[in-house]
Protein backbone atom coordinates (compact mmCIF):
# COMPACT_ATOMS: atom_id res chain seq x y z
CA UNK A 1 0.00 0.00 0.00
CA UNK A 2 2.79 2.43 0.87
CA UNK A 3 4.44 2.07 -2.54
CA UNK A 4 1.18 3.08 -4.23
CA UNK A 5 0.93 6.29 -2.23
CA UNK A 6 4.61 7.22 -2.00
CA UNK A 7 6.92 7.03 -4.99
CA UNK A 8 10.11 7.39 -2.95
CA UNK A 9 11.38 6.12 0.37
CA UNK A 10 10.81 9.18 2.55
CA UNK A 11 10.14 9.89 6.20
CA UNK A 12 6.37 10.30 5.59
CA UNK A 13 6.35 6.99 3.68
CA UNK A 14 8.06 5.22 6.57
CA UNK A 15 5.68 6.81 9.09
CA UNK A 16 2.74 5.59 7.00
CA UNK A 17 4.17 2.08 6.74
CA UNK A 18 5.11 2.03 10.43
CA UNK A 19 1.61 3.05 11.46
CA UNK A 20 0.20 0.24 9.33
CA UNK A 21 2.55 -2.26 10.96
CA UNK A 22 1.60 -0.95 14.39
CA UNK A 23 -2.12 -1.33 13.71
CA UNK A 24 -1.46 -4.84 12.38
CA UNK A 25 0.41 -5.67 15.61
CA UNK A 26 -2.50 -4.37 17.69
CA UNK A 27 -4.82 -6.65 15.72
CA UNK A 28 -2.53 -9.62 16.40
CA UNK A 29 -2.49 -8.78 20.12
CA UNK A 30 -6.29 -8.79 20.14
CA UNK A 31 -6.35 -12.18 18.42
CA UNK A 32 -3.85 -13.50 20.96
CA UNK A 33 -6.00 -12.20 23.84
CA UNK A 34 -8.98 -14.06 22.34
CA UNK A 35 -7.03 -17.28 21.87
CA UNK A 36 -5.19 -17.23 25.21
CA UNK A 37 -7.49 -15.30 27.57
CA UNK A 38 -5.17 -14.73 30.52
CA UNK A 39 -5.38 -11.72 32.78
CA UNK A 40 -2.15 -10.31 31.38
CA UNK A 41 -3.25 -10.81 27.77
CA UNK A 42 -6.62 -9.18 28.37
CA UNK A 43 -5.04 -6.30 30.25
CA UNK A 44 -2.45 -5.69 27.52
CA UNK A 45 -5.13 -5.83 24.84
CA UNK A 46 -7.25 -3.33 26.77
CA UNK A 47 -4.34 -0.92 27.32
CA UNK A 48 -3.25 -1.18 23.69
CA UNK A 49 -6.80 -0.66 22.43
CA UNK A 50 -7.26 2.42 24.63
CA UNK A 51 -4.00 3.94 23.34
CA UNK A 52 -4.89 3.10 19.74
CA UNK A 53 -8.37 4.62 20.13
CA UNK A 54 -6.79 7.81 21.47
CA UNK A 55 -4.35 7.81 18.54
CA UNK A 56 -7.17 7.31 16.03
CA UNK A 57 -9.21 10.08 17.70
CA UNK A 58 -6.31 12.52 17.36
CA UNK A 59 -5.71 11.41 13.78
CA UNK A 60 -9.38 11.90 12.90
CA UNK A 61 -9.33 15.33 14.53
CA UNK A 62 -6.48 16.28 12.17
CA UNK A 63 -7.62 14.37 9.08
CA UNK A 64 -11.35 13.70 8.67
CA UNK A 65 -11.10 10.84 6.18
CA UNK A 66 -13.42 7.86 5.89
CA UNK A 67 -10.72 5.27 6.52
CA UNK A 68 -9.63 7.10 9.68
CA UNK A 69 -13.20 7.21 10.94
CA UNK A 70 -13.54 3.48 10.19
CA UNK A 71 -10.38 2.77 12.20
CA UNK A 72 -11.58 4.96 15.06
CA UNK A 73 -14.94 3.16 15.26
CA UNK A 74 -13.23 -0.24 14.95
CA UNK A 75 -10.80 0.42 17.78
CA UNK A 76 -13.48 2.01 19.96
CA UNK A 77 -15.51 -1.20 19.60
CA UNK A 78 -12.42 -3.32 20.31
CA UNK A 79 -11.75 -1.22 23.42
CA UNK A 80 -15.30 -1.76 24.69
CA UNK A 81 -15.04 -5.51 24.02
CA UNK A 82 -11.67 -5.72 25.80
CA UNK A 83 -13.08 -3.75 28.73
CA UNK A 84 -16.04 -6.14 28.93
CA UNK A 85 -13.67 -9.13 28.86
CA UNK A 86 -11.55 -7.73 31.69
CA UNK A 87 -14.64 -6.88 33.76
CA UNK A 88 -16.15 -10.31 33.11
CA UNK A 89 -12.94 -12.05 34.16
CA UNK A 90 -12.83 -10.03 37.39
CA UNK A 91 -16.47 -10.88 38.14
CA UNK A 92 -15.78 -14.59 37.60
CA UNK A 93 -12.74 -14.44 39.88
CA UNK A 94 -14.71 -12.68 42.60
CA UNK A 95 -17.54 -15.21 42.32
CA UNK A 96 -15.08 -18.08 42.83
CA UNK A 97 -13.55 -16.47 45.92
């Protein structure tokens, strides 16, 4: 995708590619938290989703593009799901105690 938008290897091109890799890594972390639902995995997914939602909010504030809005909504939903998973795990642990 980066090579279609940027003809040369420049700092903006690397920032664009790096952001894409970062968002891909966040997605992988969410998949890992689903597959191996430990407290640490859920907590890391929640923290990462919160930071990514903040990042996407700031990005949308600066650049009101459809793909940015889509990413913002996606990560806001992922944040709410991760929050629900952490809260549910705490409730289950308290019920066992």
